[in-house]
Amino acid sequence: MTFFSSDLKSNLFRYIRFLFGGGLSLLLNLGITYLLTEFLHLWHMLSFAIALGCEIMFLFVYHSYVTFRKRGNFWLFAGVILFISGLNWLAVYLLTEILALPYLIAIVLAAGAISLLNYGVNKKVVFK
């Protein structure tokens, strides 16, 4: 008898793959946001919005081939991610403008807090 059921193991490994993809997309997001903010002198929230658009495309491909290994509905995925990104954007805004945290730290904190919701919705709705 094993300690974990195979379904629990499968979901745990899938969530780890999900987090890894999220980590890669976070690095992509941070890099784009930083470059646009520091070198093109865009407002950090505009830079962040542009980076989120790039992130949506990357994540759909990653989750289709790596995390869930099935083709999801791109438009549904984009809608879910835009909703999640709206929550993320709001969290970054509150953390930077109200709590005065540095924008890169705020992005990391917001992404971590929202990752479980994001995984659950994608697993149950987009890549079912």
Protein backbone atom coordinates (compact mmCIF):
# COMPACT_ATOMS: atom_id res chain seq x y z
CA MET A 1 0.00 0.00 0.00
CA THR A 2 1.35 3.41 -0.92
CA PHE A 3 0.97 6.51 1.17
CA PHE A 4 -0.45 8.55 -1.71
CA SER A 5 -3.03 7.35 -4.17
CA SER A 6 -2.00 7.45 -7.82
CA ASP A 7 -4.63 10.17 -8.48
CA LEU A 8 -3.18 12.34 -5.71
CA LYS A 9 0.34 11.77 -7.05
CA SER A 10 -0.81 12.62 -10.57
CA ASN A 11 -2.46 15.84 -9.40
CA LEU A 12 0.55 16.79 -7.30
CA PHE A 13 2.94 16.30 -10.22
CA ARG A 14 0.55 18.20 -12.51
CA TYR A 15 0.41 21.07 -10.01
CA ILE A 16 4.22 21.09 -9.82
CA ARG A 17 4.37 21.30 -13.64
CA PHE A 18 1.74 24.05 -13.45
CA LEU A 19 3.86 25.97 -10.92
CA PHE A 20 7.00 25.50 -13.02
CA GLY A 21 5.22 26.95 -16.06
CA GLY A 22 3.92 29.74 -13.86
CA GLY A 23 7.49 30.38 -12.70
CA LEU A 24 8.71 30.56 -16.28
CA SER A 25 5.87 32.89 -17.22
CA LEU A 26 6.58 35.01 -14.13
CA LEU A 27 10.19 35.42 -15.27
CA LEU A 28 8.93 36.36 -18.72
CA ASN A 29 6.51 38.83 -17.14
CA LEU A 30 9.15 40.36 -14.86
CA GLY A 31 11.61 40.71 -17.73
CA ILE A 32 9.15 42.39 -20.07
CA THR A 33 7.77 44.62 -17.32
CA TYR A 34 11.26 45.65 -16.25
CA LEU A 35 12.49 46.36 -19.78
CA LEU A 36 9.43 48.39 -20.74
CA THR A 37 9.42 50.32 -17.45
CA GLU A 38 13.13 51.01 -17.06
CA PHE A 39 14.22 51.41 -20.68
CA LEU A 40 11.11 52.67 -22.48
CA HIS A 41 9.92 54.60 -19.40
CA LEU A 42 6.37 53.29 -19.58
CA TRP A 43 4.20 53.37 -16.46
CA HIS A 44 4.84 50.11 -14.61
CA MET A 45 1.16 49.15 -14.77
CA LEU A 46 1.07 49.58 -18.57
CA SER A 47 4.28 47.57 -18.85
CA PHE A 48 2.72 44.89 -16.66
CA ALA A 49 -0.43 44.77 -18.84
CA ILE A 50 1.68 44.27 -21.99
CA ALA A 51 3.66 41.55 -20.25
CA LEU A 52 0.43 39.79 -19.28
CA GLY A 53 -0.56 39.59 -22.94
CA CYS A 54 2.71 37.84 -23.76
CA GLU A 55 2.23 35.58 -20.76
CA ILE A 56 -1.22 34.41 -21.95
CA MET A 57 0.19 33.13 -25.23
CA PHE A 58 3.14 31.40 -23.55
CA LEU A 59 1.01 29.78 -20.85
CA PHE A 60 -1.60 28.36 -23.23
CA VAL A 61 1.07 26.55 -25.22
CA TYR A 62 2.88 25.40 -22.06
CA HIS A 63 -0.25 24.11 -20.34
CA SER A 64 -1.50 22.41 -23.51
CA TYR A 65 1.72 20.45 -24.02
CA VAL A 66 3.29 20.15 -20.57
CA THR A 67 0.89 20.62 -17.67
CA PHE A 68 -2.40 19.11 -18.82
CA ARG A 69 -1.18 17.40 -22.00
CA LYS A 70 -4.42 18.07 -23.81
CA ARG A 71 -5.68 20.80 -26.04
CA GLY A 72 -7.79 23.33 -24.23
CA ASN A 73 -10.01 26.04 -25.61
CA PHE A 74 -7.77 29.07 -26.24
CA TRP A 75 -10.56 31.64 -25.98
CA LEU A 76 -11.86 30.16 -22.75
CA PHE A 77 -8.28 30.01 -21.47
CA ALA A 78 -7.72 33.63 -22.47
CA GLY A 79 -10.92 34.65 -20.69
CA VAL A 80 -9.94 32.81 -17.52
CA ILE A 81 -6.43 34.22 -17.64
CA LEU A 82 -7.73 37.73 -18.27
CA PHE A 83 -9.98 37.38 -15.22
CA ILE A 84 -7.09 35.99 -13.16
CA SER A 85 -4.83 38.69 -14.60
CA GLY A 86 -7.37 41.33 -13.58
CA LEU A 87 -7.18 40.04 -10.03
CA ASN A 88 -3.41 39.97 -10.36
CA TRP A 89 -3.31 43.50 -11.78
CA LEU A 90 -5.53 44.76 -8.95
CA ALA A 91 -3.34 43.04 -6.35
CA VAL A 92 -0.18 44.56 -7.87
CA TYR A 93 -1.82 47.98 -7.93
CA LEU A 94 -2.85 47.74 -4.28
CA LEU A 95 0.54 46.41 -3.20
CA THR A 96 2.46 49.13 -5.05
CA GLU A 97 0.19 52.14 -4.71
CA ILE A 98 -1.33 51.53 -1.27
CA LEU A 99 1.37 49.52 0.52
CA ALA A 100 4.24 51.13 -1.44
CA LEU A 101 5.99 47.84 -2.17
CA PRO A 102 8.48 47.78 -5.06
CA TYR A 103 6.66 46.75 -8.24
CA LEU A 104 8.72 43.60 -8.92
CA ILE A 105 8.14 42.27 -5.39
CA ALA A 106 4.43 43.09 -5.70
CA ILE A 107 4.19 41.07 -8.93
CA VAL A 108 5.80 38.03 -7.27
CA LEU A 109 3.55 38.22 -4.19
CA ALA A 110 0.38 38.63 -6.23
CA ALA A 111 1.25 35.73 -8.55
CA GLY A 112 1.90 33.41 -5.63
CA ALA A 113 -1.37 34.27 -3.92
CA ILE A 114 -3.46 33.67 -7.04
CA SER A 115 -1.78 30.47 -8.31
CA LEU A 116 -4.12 27.96 -6.59
CA LEU A 117 -7.25 29.63 -7.94
CA ASN A 118 -5.68 29.72 -11.39
CA TYR A 119 -4.77 26.01 -11.29
CA GLY A 120 -8.20 24.93 -10.12
CA VAL A 121 -10.10 26.88 -12.76
CA ASN A 122 -7.82 25.72 -15.57
CA LYS A 123 -7.99 22.09 -14.49
CA LYS A 124 -11.78 22.01 -14.06
CA VAL A 125 -12.88 24.36 -16.85
CA VAL A 126 -10.31 24.90 -19.61
CA PHE A 127 -8.39 21.61 -19.83
CA LYS A 128 -11.08 19.19 -18.60
